[in-house]
Protein backbone atom coordinates (compact mmCIF):
# COMPACT_ATOMS: atom_id res chain seq x y z
CA UNK A 1 0.16 -0.05 -0.35
CA UNK A 2 0.99 3.38 -0.92
CA UNK A 3 0.33 7.09 -0.41
CA UNK A 4 -1.54 9.09 -2.70
CA UNK A 5 1.12 10.48 -4.96
CA UNK A 6 -0.27 13.77 -6.71
CA UNK A 7 1.62 16.69 -8.24
CA UNK A 8 -0.48 19.77 -9.82
CA UNK A 9 1.03 23.00 -11.33
CA UNK A 10 3.21 24.63 -9.40
CA UNK A 11 4.52 27.24 -12.01
CA UNK A 12 2.64 26.77 -15.15
CA UNK A 13 0.55 28.12 -17.27
CA UNK A 14 -1.39 25.14 -18.44
CA UNK A 15 -5.45 25.18 -18.11
CA UNK A 16 -5.69 22.56 -15.68
CA UNK A 17 -4.95 24.93 -13.43
CA UNK A 18 -6.70 28.02 -14.23
CA UNK A 19 -9.99 26.38 -14.41
CA UNK A 20 -12.93 27.95 -16.54
CA UNK A 21 -15.53 29.44 -13.21
CA UNK A 22 -16.70 32.30 -14.53
CA UNK A 23 -17.80 33.51 -18.11
CA UNK A 24 -16.74 37.25 -17.37
CA UNK A 25 -12.85 37.97 -19.20
CA UNK A 26 -10.36 40.49 -18.69
CA UNK A 27 -9.15 42.79 -21.29
CA UNK A 28 -5.16 43.06 -21.71
CA UNK A 29 -5.55 46.76 -20.98
CA UNK A 30 -7.24 46.76 -17.87
CA UNK A 31 -5.64 49.63 -15.94
CA UNK A 32 -3.01 48.49 -13.77
CA UNK A 33 -4.89 49.66 -10.60
CA UNK A 34 -7.69 47.17 -10.83
CA UNK A 35 -5.98 44.29 -11.78
CA UNK A 36 -3.61 44.77 -8.83
CA UNK A 37 -6.89 45.32 -6.17
CA UNK A 38 -8.30 42.22 -7.87
CA UNK A 39 -5.48 39.97 -7.59
CA UNK A 40 -6.22 39.96 -3.55
CA UNK A 41 -9.43 40.31 -3.44
CA UNK A 42 -10.15 39.35 0.15
CA UNK A 43 -7.17 37.64 0.96
CA UNK A 44 -3.97 39.26 2.69
CA UNK A 45 -1.10 40.47 0.96
CA UNK A 46 0.22 42.33 -0.98
CA UNK A 47 0.15 42.82 -5.16
CA UNK A 48 1.49 44.68 -7.94
CA UNK A 49 0.51 44.92 -11.02
CA UNK A 50 2.68 46.73 -14.17
CA UNK A 51 1.85 47.39 -17.43
CA UNK A 52 4.49 48.85 -20.63
CA UNK A 53 1.51 50.34 -23.19
CA UNK A 54 2.03 52.83 -25.50
CA UNK A 55 5.22 53.48 -24.82
CA UNK A 56 4.68 53.90 -21.17
CA UNK A 57 5.09 52.09 -17.72
CA UNK A 58 2.51 51.78 -15.33
CA UNK A 59 2.46 50.10 -11.87
CA UNK A 60 0.12 49.96 -9.44
CA UNK A 61 0.07 48.08 -5.64
CA UNK A 62 -2.74 46.98 -3.69
CA UNK A 63 -2.70 45.30 -0.03
CA UNK A 64 -4.95 43.85 2.23
CA UNK A 65 -5.07 42.11 5.80
CA UNK A 66 -3.88 43.26 9.12
CA UNK A 67 -0.70 44.88 9.27
CA UNK A 68 0.48 44.39 5.73
CA UNK A 69 1.32 47.90 4.20
CA UNK A 70 1.26 48.96 0.61
CA UNK A 71 4.41 47.63 -1.15
CA UNK A 72 6.50 49.89 -2.96
CA UNK A 73 6.15 49.43 -6.74
CA UNK A 74 9.53 50.93 -7.79
CA UNK A 75 12.85 51.88 -7.14
CA UNK A 76 15.96 50.75 -5.59
CA UNK A 77 13.53 49.57 -2.50
CA UNK A 78 10.69 48.11 -4.30
CA UNK A 79 9.16 45.08 -3.04
CA UNK A 80 10.40 41.71 -3.74
CA UNK A 81 8.30 38.42 -4.95
CA UNK A 82 9.17 35.24 -5.38
CA UNK A 83 8.36 34.93 -8.93
CA UNK A 84 8.23 30.87 -9.51
CA UNK A 85 7.92 29.37 -12.84
CA UNK A 86 8.62 32.54 -14.61
CA UNK A 87 12.26 31.90 -14.14
CA UNK A 88 12.00 28.49 -16.18
CA UNK A 89 11.98 31.49 -18.80
CA UNK A 90 15.08 32.89 -17.89
CA UNK A 91 16.49 29.36 -18.16
CA UNK A 92 15.05 29.22 -21.61
CA UNK A 93 16.69 32.31 -22.73
CA UNK A 94 20.36 31.04 -21.71
CA UNK A 95 19.58 27.66 -23.64
CA UNK A 96 18.31 30.00 -26.56
CA UNK A 97 21.62 32.35 -26.20
CA UNK A 98 24.18 29.22 -25.67
CA UNK A 99 22.44 27.92 -29.28
CA UNK A 100 22.56 31.07 -30.99
CA UNK A 101 26.17 31.35 -30.10
CA UNK A 102 26.88 27.69 -31.39
CA UNK A 103 27.75 27.05 -27.89
CA UNK A 104 25.31 24.42 -27.46
CA UNK A 105 23.29 22.13 -29.92
CA UNK A 106 19.38 21.20 -29.12
CA UNK A 107 20.09 17.81 -30.17
CA UNK A 108 22.81 17.45 -27.25
CA UNK A 109 22.07 14.48 -25.20
CA UNK A 110 22.21 14.26 -21.55
CA UNK A 111 24.57 11.22 -22.14
CA UNK A 112 27.18 13.71 -24.06
CA UNK A 113 26.82 16.89 -21.76
CA UNK A 114 27.14 14.59 -18.46
CA UNK A 115 29.87 12.25 -19.81
CA UNK A 116 32.51 11.58 -16.84
CA UNK A 117 29.58 13.73 -14.17
CA UNK A 118 26.80 11.18 -14.43
CA UNK A 119 26.39 7.00 -15.60
CA UNK A 120 23.23 6.01 -16.83
CA UNK A 121 21.69 2.66 -16.32
CA UNK A 122 19.18 3.60 -19.27
CA UNK A 123 20.16 4.38 -22.56
CA UNK A 124 16.67 6.17 -23.09
CA UNK A 125 17.55 8.70 -20.50
CA UNK A 126 21.03 9.13 -21.71
CA UNK A 127 19.49 10.24 -25.28
CA UNK A 128 17.05 12.86 -23.93
CA UNK A 129 17.81 16.44 -25.03
CA UNK A 130 18.12 19.72 -24.45
CA UNK A 131 15.23 20.50 -26.86
CA UNK A 132 12.98 18.08 -24.67
CA UNK A 133 14.19 19.23 -21.70
CA UNK A 134 12.89 22.74 -22.49
CA UNK A 135 9.59 21.79 -24.19
CA UNK A 136 8.80 19.66 -21.43
CA UNK A 137 8.85 16.63 -23.48
CA UNK A 138 11.53 14.83 -21.84
CA UNK A 139 9.62 12.10 -20.58
CA UNK A 140 11.27 12.90 -16.93
CA UNK A 141 8.24 13.11 -14.13
CA UNK A 142 7.16 16.50 -12.64
CA UNK A 143 9.36 15.31 -9.35
CA UNK A 144 12.01 13.16 -9.11
CA UNK A 145 10.77 9.82 -7.61
CA UNK A 146 13.11 10.48 -4.24
CA UNK A 147 11.57 14.24 -4.00
CA UNK A 148 10.71 13.54 -0.46
CA UNK A 149 12.90 12.35 0.83
CA UNK A 150 16.44 13.48 2.63
CA UNK A 151 15.41 16.47 3.96
CA UNK A 152 11.99 17.16 2.49
CA UNK A 153 9.71 19.47 4.40
CA UNK A 154 6.38 20.85 2.76
CA UNK A 155 7.18 24.38 4.26
CA UNK A 156 10.44 24.49 1.85
CA UNK A 157 9.88 21.82 -0.64
CA UNK A 158 13.24 22.50 -2.48
CA UNK A 159 15.76 23.21 -0.12
CA UNK A 160 18.00 20.52 0.46
CA UNK A 161 17.58 18.77 -2.88
CA UNK A 162 21.36 19.57 -4.75
CA UNK A 163 23.52 18.54 -7.92
CA UNK A 164 24.93 15.41 -6.60
CA UNK A 165 21.36 14.04 -5.88
CA UNK A 166 20.03 15.13 -9.39
CA UNK A 167 22.78 13.36 -10.94
CA UNK A 168 22.62 10.60 -9.13
CA UNK A 169 18.74 10.18 -9.65
CA UNK A 170 18.86 10.61 -13.23
CA UNK A 171 21.25 7.74 -13.76
CA UNK A 172 18.94 5.36 -12.16
CA UNK A 173 16.28 6.27 -13.58
CA UNK A 174 13.62 4.31 -15.99
CA UNK A 175 11.81 6.47 -17.80
CA UNK A 176 8.11 4.82 -19.50
CA UNK A 177 9.50 4.78 -23.39
CA UNK A 178 12.31 6.96 -25.50
CA UNK A 179 12.28 10.76 -25.61
CA UNK A 180 10.22 12.77 -27.00
CA UNK A 181 6.84 12.03 -24.85
CA UNK A 182 3.93 13.59 -24.84
CA UNK A 183 4.42 16.98 -23.35
CA UNK A 184 4.51 16.98 -19.48
CA UNK A 185 5.12 19.89 -17.33
CA UNK A 186 8.41 19.28 -15.72
CA UNK A 187 9.98 20.96 -12.45
CA UNK A 188 12.85 17.98 -12.90
CA UNK A 189 13.44 18.76 -16.63
CA UNK A 190 14.17 22.58 -15.73
CA UNK A 191 16.05 21.99 -12.76
CA UNK A 192 18.25 19.54 -15.12
CA UNK A 193 18.51 22.05 -17.66
CA UNK A 194 19.39 24.70 -15.04
CA UNK A 195 22.42 22.63 -13.97
CA UNK A 196 23.68 21.67 -17.52
CA UNK A 197 23.69 25.72 -17.98
CA UNK A 198 25.72 25.86 -15.05
CA UNK A 199 27.83 22.80 -15.40
CA UNK A 200 28.66 23.93 -19.51
CA UNK A 201 29.58 27.20 -18.10
CA UNK A 202 31.06 26.93 -15.03
CA UNK A 203 29.15 29.11 -12.79
CA UNK A 204 26.01 29.08 -10.83
CA UNK A 205 22.91 29.42 -12.61
CA UNK A 206 21.49 32.18 -10.94
CA UNK A 207 25.58 33.64 -12.05
CA UNK A 208 24.88 32.94 -15.69
CA UNK A 209 21.14 34.92 -15.06
CA UNK A 210 22.85 37.71 -13.63
CA UNK A 211 25.56 38.16 -16.33
CA UNK A 212 23.92 37.09 -19.49
CA UNK A 213 20.20 38.68 -18.74
CA UNK A 214 19.60 41.05 -16.08
CA UNK A 215 22.70 43.16 -15.73
CA UNK A 216 22.54 43.32 -19.10
CA UNK A 217 18.78 44.67 -19.00
CA UNK A 218 18.91 47.19 -15.85
CA UNK A 219 17.30 44.60 -13.79
CA UNK A 220 18.62 45.36 -10.67
CA UNK A 221 15.95 43.68 -8.23
CA UNK A 222 16.25 40.21 -9.59
CA UNK A 223 18.00 37.91 -7.89
CA UNK A 224 17.93 34.22 -6.62
CA UNK A 225 19.91 34.75 -3.25
CA UNK A 226 18.36 37.72 -1.06
CA UNK A 227 21.34 38.54 1.32
CA UNK A 228 20.85 41.83 3.10
CA UNK A 229 17.35 42.34 0.52
CA UNK A 230 15.23 39.90 2.75
CA UNK A 231 13.30 42.52 4.58
CA UNK A 232 12.23 43.50 1.14
CA UNK A 233 10.16 40.58 0.38
CA UNK A 234 6.33 40.81 0.53
CA UNK A 235 5.22 38.83 3.32
CA UNK A 236 4.18 35.91 2.01
CA UNK A 237 0.44 33.95 2.65
CA UNK A 238 -1.41 30.48 1.91
CA UNK A 239 -5.14 31.88 1.90
CA UNK A 240 -5.26 33.48 5.96
CA UNK A 241 -1.88 31.72 6.60
CA UNK A 242 1.54 32.65 6.59
CA UNK A 243 3.45 30.62 4.64
CA UNK A 244 7.60 30.18 3.65
CA UNK A 245 9.66 31.49 1.01
CA UNK A 246 11.11 28.99 -0.80
CA UNK A 247 15.13 27.81 -1.62
CA UNK A 248 16.02 25.78 -4.13
CA UNK A 249 19.76 24.39 -5.06
CA UNK A 250 19.55 22.45 -7.97
CA UNK A 251 16.22 23.38 -8.93
CA UNK A 252 17.00 26.70 -9.25
CA UNK A 253 16.53 26.66 -13.08
CA UNK A 254 12.75 25.72 -12.47
CA UNK A 255 11.74 28.48 -9.85
CA UNK A 256 14.24 30.06 -7.61
CA UNK A 257 14.09 33.96 -8.77
CA UNK A 258 12.90 37.11 -6.85
CA UNK A 259 12.20 39.94 -8.55
CA UNK A 260 9.33 42.95 -9.27
CA UNK A 261 7.17 43.84 -11.88
CA UNK A 262 9.31 46.95 -12.60
CA UNK A 263 12.37 44.71 -13.42
CA UNK A 264 9.85 42.01 -15.28
CA UNK A 265 8.42 44.66 -17.37
CA UNK A 266 12.05 45.23 -18.75
CA UNK A 267 12.68 41.44 -19.33
CA UNK A 268 8.96 41.75 -21.31
CA UNK A 269 10.46 44.16 -23.56
CA UNK A 270 13.22 43.29 -24.34
CA UNK A 271 11.76 40.11 -25.44
CA UNK A 272 9.31 42.28 -27.60
CA UNK A 273 12.00 44.27 -28.83
CA UNK A 274 13.19 41.55 -30.62
CA UNK A 275 17.13 40.46 -32.82
CA UNK A 276 16.95 44.31 -33.06
CA UNK A 277 16.48 44.67 -29.13
CA UNK A 278 19.04 43.97 -26.15
CA UNK A 279 18.87 40.71 -26.07
CA UNK A 280 19.52 40.19 -30.30
CA UNK A 281 19.00 37.28 -32.21
CA UNK A 282 18.62 34.88 -29.01
CA UNK A 283 15.01 37.24 -28.28
CA UNK A 284 13.70 35.89 -31.47
CA UNK A 285 15.00 32.37 -31.06
CA UNK A 286 13.45 32.28 -27.41
CA UNK A 287 9.89 32.70 -29.53
CA UNK A 288 10.60 29.86 -31.85
CA UNK A 289 8.16 27.12 -31.60
CA UNK A 290 9.35 23.84 -30.91
CA UNK A 291 6.18 21.50 -29.57
CA UNK A 292 2.85 21.45 -28.56
CA UNK A 293 1.99 21.69 -25.28
CA UNK A 294 -1.03 23.59 -24.28
CA UNK A 295 -1.19 25.38 -27.52
CA UNK A 296 2.90 25.68 -28.35
CA UNK A 297 5.98 25.78 -26.43
CA UNK A 298 9.26 27.60 -27.68
CA UNK A 299 12.39 27.96 -25.22
CA UNK A 300 10.14 27.50 -21.76
CA UNK A 301 7.72 30.23 -22.99
CA UNK A 302 4.26 29.70 -23.88
CA UNK A 303 2.84 30.69 -27.42
CA UNK A 304 -1.37 30.88 -27.91
CA UNK A 305 -2.92 32.03 -30.83
CA UNK A 306 -2.25 32.10 -34.57
CA UNK A 307 1.06 33.22 -36.48
CA UNK A 308 0.11 36.96 -36.70
CA UNK A 309 -1.46 37.64 -33.40
CA UNK A 310 0.69 35.35 -30.75
CA UNK A 311 0.64 36.06 -26.90
CA UNK A 312 3.18 34.80 -25.02
CA UNK A 313 3.96 33.91 -21.30
CA UNK A 314 4.50 32.33 -18.46
CA UNK A 315 3.05 32.06 -14.93
CA UNK A 316 4.35 31.11 -11.65
CA UNK A 317 3.92 30.55 -8.36
CA UNK A 318 5.62 29.05 -4.95
CA UNK A 319 3.95 28.44 -1.11
CA UNK A 320 3.27 31.76 -0.72
CA UNK A 321 3.28 33.66 -4.06
CA UNK A 322 1.37 33.79 -7.91
CA UNK A 323 2.88 35.47 -10.83
CA UNK A 324 2.23 36.14 -14.27
CA UNK A 325 3.37 37.57 -17.19
CA UNK A 326 1.84 38.20 -20.91
CA UNK A 327 3.46 39.75 -23.67
CA UNK A 328 1.02 40.68 -26.93
CA UNK A 329 3.56 42.26 -30.07
CA UNK A 330 0.58 43.38 -31.79
CA UNK A 331 -0.65 45.57 -29.33
CA UNK A 332 2.99 46.53 -28.12
CA UNK A 333 2.17 45.21 -24.53
CA UNK A 334 3.59 43.48 -21.52
CA UNK A 335 1.77 42.61 -18.32
CA UNK A 336 2.85 41.77 -14.98
CA UNK A 337 1.06 41.07 -12.15
CA UNK A 338 2.38 39.50 -8.70
CA UNK A 339 0.58 38.88 -5.28
CA UNK A 340 2.14 37.29 -2.01
CA UNK A 341 -1.01 35.09 -1.39
CA UNK A 342 -0.82 31.27 -2.57
CA UNK A 343 -4.90 31.74 -3.14
CA UNK A 344 -4.67 34.88 -4.87
CA UNK A 345 -6.39 35.19 -8.35
CA UNK A 346 -3.38 35.89 -10.44
CA UNK A 347 -3.33 32.82 -12.53
CA UNK A 348 -7.61 33.02 -13.29
CA UNK A 349 -6.83 36.48 -14.13
CA UNK A 350 -3.75 35.08 -16.36
CA UNK A 351 -6.33 32.79 -18.19
CA UNK A 352 -8.89 35.79 -18.41
CA UNK A 353 -6.99 38.11 -20.03
CA UNK A 354 -5.54 34.91 -22.27
CA UNK A 355 -9.16 33.98 -23.64
CA UNK A 356 -10.24 37.67 -23.71
CA UNK A 357 -7.85 38.19 -26.40
CA UNK A 358 -9.48 35.21 -28.44
CA UNK A 359 -13.09 35.34 -28.26
CA UNK A 360 -15.24 32.41 -29.99
CA UNK A 361 -17.91 33.13 -31.60
CA UNK A 362 -21.84 32.65 -29.76
CA UNK A 363 -25.06 32.55 -31.11
CA UNK A 364 -27.72 30.85 -29.52
CA UNK A 365 -29.81 27.79 -30.80
CA UNK A 366 -32.43 25.78 -29.36
CA UNK A 367 -31.93 21.79 -28.61
CA UNK A 368 -34.21 19.67 -27.96
CA UNK A 369 -33.17 18.19 -24.50
CA UNK A 370 -33.11 14.32 -25.14
CA UNK A 371 -30.50 15.32 -27.50
CA UNK A 372 -27.87 15.88 -25.01
CA UNK A 373 -27.47 12.14 -24.46
CA UNK A 374 -25.57 12.26 -28.14
CA UNK A 375 -22.88 14.49 -26.33
CA UNK A 376 -22.02 12.47 -23.29
CA UNK A 377 -18.49 11.06 -22.58
CA UNK A 378 -14.73 11.25 -22.36
CA UNK A 379 -13.26 12.75 -25.32
CA UNK A 380 -9.48 11.98 -24.89
CA UNK A 381 -6.76 14.35 -26.86
CA UNK A 382 -3.79 12.41 -25.27
CA UNK A 383 -2.92 10.21 -22.60
CA UNK A 384 -3.17 12.43 -19.73
CA UNK A 385 -5.46 15.37 -21.50
CA UNK A 386 -9.29 14.80 -21.57
CA UNK A 387 -12.44 16.43 -21.56
CA UNK A 388 -15.42 14.63 -19.74
CA UNK A 389 -18.80 16.00 -20.71
CA UNK A 390 -21.72 15.07 -18.52
CA UNK A 391 -25.30 15.94 -19.64
CA UNK A 392 -27.51 17.21 -15.92
CA UNK A 393 -30.44 19.32 -15.15
CA UNK A 394 -31.28 19.90 -18.94
CA UNK A 395 -27.89 20.93 -19.63
CA UNK A 396 -24.15 20.18 -20.75
CA UNK A 397 -21.42 20.44 -18.63
CA UNK A 398 -17.73 19.93 -19.59
CA UNK A 399 -14.11 20.15 -17.61
CA UNK A 400 -11.00 19.39 -18.90
CA UNK A 401 -8.94 16.82 -16.65
CA UNK A 402 -8.67 17.69 -12.96
CA UNK A 403 -10.74 21.06 -13.66
CA UNK A 404 -13.93 22.48 -12.64
CA UNK A 405 -16.84 21.28 -14.46
CA UNK A 406 -18.53 24.39 -16.41
CA UNK A 407 -22.12 25.20 -18.16
CA UNK A 408 -22.33 24.60 -22.02
CA UNK A 409 -25.23 26.39 -23.71
CA UNK A 410 -25.90 24.89 -27.77
CA UNK A 411 -24.53 27.13 -30.43
CA UNK A 412 -25.25 25.47 -33.38
CA UNK A 413 -26.80 21.95 -34.16
CA UNK A 414 -23.61 20.28 -32.73
CA UNK A 415 -21.82 22.77 -31.18
CA UNK A 416 -21.74 23.96 -27.31
CA UNK A 417 -20.75 27.38 -25.58
CA UNK A 418 -19.22 28.45 -22.20
CA UNK A 419 -19.80 32.20 -23.00
CA UNK A 420 -17.29 33.65 -25.64
CA UNK A 421 -14.32 31.97 -23.72
CA UNK A 422 -14.56 28.67 -25.08
CA UNK A 423 -16.46 26.26 -27.94
CA UNK A 424 -17.34 22.51 -28.23
CA UNK A 425 -17.47 21.09 -31.84
CA UNK A 426 -18.52 17.43 -31.45
CA UNK A 427 -17.55 15.74 -34.99
CA UNK A 428 -20.38 12.68 -36.24
CA UNK A 429 -19.43 9.94 -38.23
CA UNK A 430 -22.07 7.60 -39.25
CA UNK A 431 -24.71 9.91 -37.62
CA UNK A 432 -22.91 8.92 -33.82
CA UNK A 433 -21.26 11.61 -32.09
CA UNK A 434 -17.29 10.00 -32.51
CA UNK A 435 -15.10 12.96 -31.60
CA UNK A 436 -14.89 16.65 -30.28
CA UNK A 437 -13.01 19.57 -31.18
CA UNK A 438 -12.52 22.46 -28.40
CA UNK A 439 -11.62 25.82 -29.55
CA UNK A 440 -9.99 28.47 -26.41
CA UNK A 441 -7.29 30.73 -25.75
CA UNK A 442 -6.68 30.88 -29.92
CA UNK A 443 -5.92 27.33 -30.26
CA UNK A 444 -7.91 24.20 -31.67
CA UNK A 445 -7.66 20.94 -29.96
CA UNK A 446 -9.21 17.47 -30.81
CA UNK A 447 -10.34 14.48 -28.66
CA UNK A 448 -11.38 11.32 -29.19
CA UNK A 449 -14.83 10.02 -27.64
CA UNK A 450 -13.76 6.55 -25.34
CA UNK A 451 -15.46 4.15 -23.65
CA UNK A 452 -14.22 5.45 -19.97
CA UNK A 453 -16.80 5.63 -17.92
CA UNK A 454 -18.57 9.27 -17.41
CA UNK A 455 -19.29 10.85 -13.80
CA UNK A 456 -22.29 10.22 -11.80
CA UNK A 457 -23.01 13.86 -11.75
CA UNK A 458 -20.77 16.96 -13.12
CA UNK A 459 -21.87 18.91 -9.45
CA UNK A 460 -23.28 17.77 -6.39
CA UNK A 461 -26.13 20.29 -3.96
CA UNK A 462 -24.15 21.73 -1.25
CA UNK A 463 -26.03 20.04 1.29
CA UNK A 464 -25.25 16.31 -0.17
CA UNK A 465 -20.98 17.59 -0.15
CA UNK A 466 -21.24 19.08 3.27
CA UNK A 467 -21.09 15.51 4.97
CA UNK A 468 -17.82 14.64 3.27
CA UNK A 469 -15.87 17.60 4.34
CA UNK A 470 -13.91 17.13 7.35
CA UNK A 471 -10.62 15.52 8.45
CA UNK A 472 -9.59 12.04 7.29
CA UNK A 473 -6.08 10.19 9.44
CA UNK A 474 -4.73 7.67 8.34
CA UNK A 475 -1.36 5.89 9.29
CA UNK A 476 1.23 8.31 7.58
CA UNK A 477 -0.58 11.11 6.34
CA UNK A 478 -3.88 13.32 6.84
CA UNK A 479 -6.56 13.88 3.99
CA UNK A 480 -8.51 17.06 3.94
CA UNK A 481 -11.87 17.15 1.99
CA UNK A 482 -13.53 20.49 0.85
CA UNK A 483 -16.23 21.62 -1.15
CA UNK A 484 -16.80 24.23 -3.54
CA UNK A 485 -18.80 25.10 -6.33
CA UNK A 486 -20.75 21.49 -6.88
CA UNK A 487 -17.24 19.79 -6.17
CA UNK A 488 -15.23 18.17 -3.92
CA UNK A 489 -11.60 18.37 -3.37
CA UNK A 490 -9.09 16.16 -1.62
CA UNK A 491 -5.77 17.64 0.16
CA UNK A 492 -3.16 15.05 1.08
CA UNK A 493 -0.39 16.27 3.83
CA UNK A 494 2.07 18.40 1.75
CA UNK A 495 0.17 18.51 -1.53
CA UNK A 496 -2.17 20.43 -3.63
CA UNK A 497 -6.55 19.90 -3.36
CA UNK A 498 -7.35 18.30 -6.11
CA UNK A 499 -10.64 17.93 -7.54
CA UNK A 500 -12.84 14.38 -7.66
CA UNK A 501 -16.09 13.35 -9.13
CA UNK A 502 -19.06 11.18 -8.47
CA UNK A 503 -18.40 6.99 -9.86
CA UNK A 504 -21.49 6.28 -11.65
CA UNK A 505 -23.55 3.61 -10.08
CA UNK A 506 -21.42 3.60 -6.43
CA UNK A 507 -22.67 5.79 -3.84
CA UNK A 508 -20.39 7.65 -1.78
CA UNK A 509 -17.33 6.96 -4.19
CA UNK A 510 -15.19 9.31 -6.27
CA UNK A 511 -12.09 9.01 -8.15
CA UNK A 512 -9.12 11.37 -9.84
CA UNK A 513 -8.95 11.51 -13.43
CA UNK A 514 -5.40 12.91 -12.98
CA UNK A 515 -3.88 9.30 -11.46
CA UNK A 516 -5.26 6.25 -10.80
CA UNK A 517 -6.84 6.39 -7.56
CA UNK A 518 -10.48 6.47 -5.51
CA UNK A 519 -12.03 7.34 -2.70
CA UNK A 520 -14.78 5.55 -0.81
CA UNK A 521 -16.28 7.12 1.97
CA UNK A 522 -18.02 5.57 4.92
CA UNK A 523 -20.85 5.89 6.69
CA UNK A 524 -22.29 5.42 10.81
CA UNK A 525 -26.01 3.40 10.34
CA UNK A 526 -27.31 6.87 11.10
CA UNK A 527 -25.73 8.35 8.28
CA UNK A 528 -23.19 10.35 9.26
CA UNK A 529 -19.85 10.00 7.00
CA UNK A 530 -17.33 8.28 9.45
CA UNK A 531 -14.26 7.58 7.32
CA UNK A 532 -12.76 6.87 4.11
CA UNK A 533 -10.73 4.19 2.32
CA UNK A 534 -8.20 5.30 -0.45
CA UNK A 535 -8.18 2.98 -3.19
CA UNK A 536 -4.56 2.90 -4.88
CA UNK A 537 -2.35 0.48 -5.28
CA UNK A 538 -4.14 -1.44 -2.31
CA UNK A 539 -5.84 0.11 0.51
CA UNK A 540 -5.42 3.15 3.24
CA UNK A 541 -8.06 3.65 5.91
CA UNK A 542 -8.60 7.23 7.00
CA UNK A 543 -10.72 7.49 10.06
CA UNK A 544 -12.75 11.06 10.38
CA UNK A 545 -11.07 13.33 13.21
CA UNK A 546 -12.93 17.03 12.77
């Protein structure tokens, strides 16, 4: 028996981490004052929004919570924030510079670059290339298999993981298949890439960032090690609770930087300027599409929309911070938003700005309710991504892997809309639905109808969900069950909260769609929920302790 091992997106712009929860969108041109204010809502912490528009920089800050002072938005004493996975774009740019200079090639392999430093038990790991690392197609897992050992703490999870340990794990690792794999977000892969660059140039990753990016662009407030600058950090929160800063060794290239929106605007403007700007041809190379991943991905940076109207960007997050960088060449805009609360709205706002850039057409259409059953099913795009469609209450509901269900309304004979944010167009063969095209965020993706089971319901009434809410204790971990917006979420000790969905024909049983695991709730004879059983490679029972 083993505990549930689910890792969600710590630093990414994946749609799975920005569930479509509301039809409204946010224009990229929204005033920075509103962006900063909306990022926090009622959560404590600091937020700063910055924008480069019409050749001018604007910055605005907001603060909430007892004793939290307004942030300093500019100058040498500007408030610092952890920017998490936006650091990956710096790692991608370092690689783009190296490739542009002819010092590295995208097809260089781990075996070549680590010769004499690591020995590989499995040739397919040695064959992983720099191209595959920088596009998340390396087949490496999100985190190494020994991540939660040897000094791991949930409050500061990356602090004790060093380079030698990383090389040793790579030497023993066996991937499920030779690369390239279907793109899956990998902090492990970017930790490896950052350390490879450090090995190649004989300098720490953070020093390379300073010498090759931050100093030339005048980014005076971008750093990994804080030293005497620690008092400038925005106070970190996770909801109402305080949070710790995250320190990194071998994972520096995946998410170690601290910075300010003012500095990130300088970074975005340099990318926007292309080969004629201060970064030269490497800025253009950075944006080159290299693989499919939630749209496309270049050298770590995500690309959405058609070639003539691209949006480039990345989000970031650590234990107490959220951030977003968005670049729009067609309007010559750069928008940055950071907040010092992990429960802030920053990631949702990033998604809302992106879908607002690429609205889909929407027209009212009348469809007989009895036709809705035609469209129910699981439509799989890749091994790890699918859309699940459920008919409930005279309406279709849809969710992507790991997301909330959202309602769809008919917009044509075989098409349904989520407002102007997204459109599902069902494909028929021989009169039967066999697939679905999903149009959202300037991209079109295709899912094929499978025989996978459909959840019993898209949502459950609050009174039904409330029966499960509470804390459950197993021998080695706790599970916290929460309810919101008609869905149950389950969080294991030290992990992220993930959604579960009701299993058809099995009352009180719920399943994850991000991992092969289910949870079965148990009741007393009077109907009160008393405990649960976690089913994954065996069974683990947990008693309710609240």
